[in-house]
Amino acid sequence: MQEQLDKALEFANYRQSFAIKRKTLKEKIDAKLTYGFNGGIFKIDRTLLNFVEMLIYKDRSENVVLLDSNETPILIEDLVTFREEVFDRYFSATFEYHEEYQKIKKARSVESLLE
């Protein structure tokens, strides 16, 4: 009976440590997906990426006003350069997130999660 309780406690500790590690990783990546530009703060996500891409597709790539995360209008003089920067940051951060998540997903003990 004691062995079952010990295993249950060990598993509960593992799940809690896993959840904390995943939350910390998500917060780290969210910080990397925050982009300050021209006095504004942009949250880089698929919505922003798609909207910027659509504006460029519609030949609106110069002197475009975008609303940042705080609903502040920010003038983007060269939307193509802005797009390149946010795309680079997005793919860099999501790749890092994937790599780190795979590491914690493979960890099978609290000790290996804490490494």
Protein backbone atom coordinates (compact mmCIF):
# COMPACT_ATOMS: atom_id res chain seq x y z
CA MET A 1 0.00 0.00 0.00
CA GLN A 2 2.82 2.40 0.89
CA GLU A 3 4.48 1.74 -2.47
CA GLN A 4 1.30 2.77 -4.32
CA LEU A 5 1.07 5.97 -2.27
CA ASP A 6 4.71 6.76 -2.99
CA LYS A 7 4.18 6.23 -6.73
CA ALA A 8 1.04 8.37 -6.67
CA LEU A 9 2.88 11.16 -4.85
CA GLU A 10 5.81 10.91 -7.25
CA PHE A 11 3.45 11.13 -10.23
CA ALA A 12 1.60 14.12 -8.72
CA ASN A 13 4.92 15.89 -8.15
CA TYR A 14 5.95 15.11 -11.72
CA ARG A 15 2.69 16.50 -13.17
CA GLN A 16 2.94 19.65 -11.07
CA SER A 17 6.59 20.19 -12.05
CA PHE A 18 5.72 19.57 -15.70
CA ALA A 19 2.89 22.13 -15.58
CA ILE A 20 5.14 24.73 -13.94
CA LYS A 21 7.95 24.13 -16.44
CA ARG A 22 5.50 24.37 -19.38
CA LYS A 23 3.99 27.60 -18.01
CA THR A 24 7.44 29.12 -17.52
CA LEU A 25 8.45 28.14 -21.05
CA LYS A 26 5.24 29.65 -22.47
CA GLU A 27 5.87 32.93 -20.61
CA LYS A 28 9.45 33.02 -21.93
CA ILE A 29 8.26 32.56 -25.51
CA ASP A 30 5.45 35.11 -25.07
CA ALA A 31 8.08 37.64 -24.01
CA LYS A 32 10.07 36.90 -27.16
CA LEU A 33 6.91 37.43 -29.21
CA THR A 34 6.46 40.94 -27.86
CA TYR A 35 7.94 43.45 -30.27
CA GLY A 36 8.55 47.11 -29.55
CA PHE A 37 8.53 49.24 -32.68
CA ASN A 38 8.31 52.98 -33.23
CA GLY A 39 6.93 53.60 -29.72
CA GLY A 40 4.39 50.79 -29.87
CA ILE A 41 4.22 47.28 -28.46
CA PHE A 42 3.07 44.51 -30.80
CA LYS A 43 2.14 40.98 -29.84
CA ILE A 44 3.47 38.82 -32.67
CA ASP A 45 0.86 36.20 -33.46
CA ARG A 46 -0.73 34.67 -36.54
CA THR A 47 -3.32 37.45 -36.69
CA LEU A 48 -0.67 40.16 -36.94
CA LEU A 49 1.34 38.13 -39.45
CA ASN A 50 -1.68 37.53 -41.67
CA PHE A 51 -2.85 41.14 -41.48
CA VAL A 52 0.57 42.51 -42.40
CA GLU A 53 0.88 40.01 -45.25
CA MET A 54 -2.57 40.95 -46.55
CA LEU A 55 -1.72 44.66 -46.49
CA ILE A 56 1.44 44.05 -48.50
CA TYR A 57 -0.49 41.84 -50.92
CA LYS A 58 -2.94 44.74 -51.39
CA ASP A 59 0.00 47.07 -52.17
CA ARG A 60 -0.27 48.99 -48.89
CA SER A 61 3.32 48.72 -47.77
CA GLU A 62 4.33 52.32 -47.06
CA ASN A 63 3.15 54.67 -44.34
CA VAL A 64 0.63 52.27 -42.84
CA VAL A 65 -0.89 52.84 -39.42
CA LEU A 66 -1.33 49.73 -37.28
CA LEU A 67 -2.89 49.51 -33.85
CA ASP A 68 -0.50 48.02 -31.32
CA SER A 69 -1.43 45.81 -28.35
CA ASN A 70 -2.62 48.87 -26.42
CA GLU A 71 -4.76 50.09 -29.33
CA THR A 72 -2.28 52.92 -29.95
CA PRO A 73 -1.96 53.91 -33.61
CA ILE A 74 1.63 53.38 -34.78
CA LEU A 75 2.96 54.58 -38.12
CA ILE A 76 4.89 51.90 -39.98
CA GLU A 77 6.80 53.61 -42.76
CA ASP A 78 8.09 50.42 -44.41
CA LEU A 79 5.73 47.50 -43.85
CA VAL A 80 7.95 45.05 -45.78
CA THR A 81 10.83 45.59 -43.33
CA PHE A 82 8.38 45.34 -40.41
CA ARG A 83 7.04 42.07 -41.84
CA GLU A 84 10.51 40.57 -42.17
CA GLU A 85 11.32 41.38 -38.56
CA VAL A 86 8.08 40.00 -37.11
CA PHE A 87 8.25 36.87 -39.27
CA ASP A 88 11.86 36.24 -38.19
CA ARG A 89 10.96 36.72 -34.53
CA TYR A 90 7.88 34.52 -34.80
CA PHE A 91 9.64 31.59 -36.43
CA SER A 92 12.69 31.89 -34.19
CA ALA A 93 10.55 31.90 -31.03
CA THR A 94 8.22 29.09 -32.13
CA PHE A 95 11.17 26.92 -33.14
CA GLU A 96 12.76 27.50 -29.74
CA TYR A 97 9.43 26.73 -28.07
CA HIS A 98 9.18 23.47 -30.00
CA GLU A 99 12.72 22.43 -29.09
CA GLU A 100 12.31 23.21 -25.39
CA TYR A 101 8.86 21.63 -25.22
CA GLN A 102 10.20 18.41 -26.73
CA LYS A 103 12.85 18.31 -24.00
CA ILE A 104 10.37 18.66 -21.15
CA LYS A 105 7.92 16.28 -22.80
CA LYS A 106 10.59 13.56 -22.86
CA ALA A 107 11.52 14.10 -19.21
CA ARG A 108 10.15 11.27 -17.11
CA SER A 109 11.04 12.43 -13.62
CA VAL A 110 10.97 15.59 -11.54
CA GLU A 111 14.77 15.61 -11.47
CA SER A 112 15.03 15.53 -15.27
CA LEU A 113 12.46 18.32 -15.55
CA LEU A 114 14.53 20.53 -13.27
CA GLU A 115 17.72 20.17 -15.33
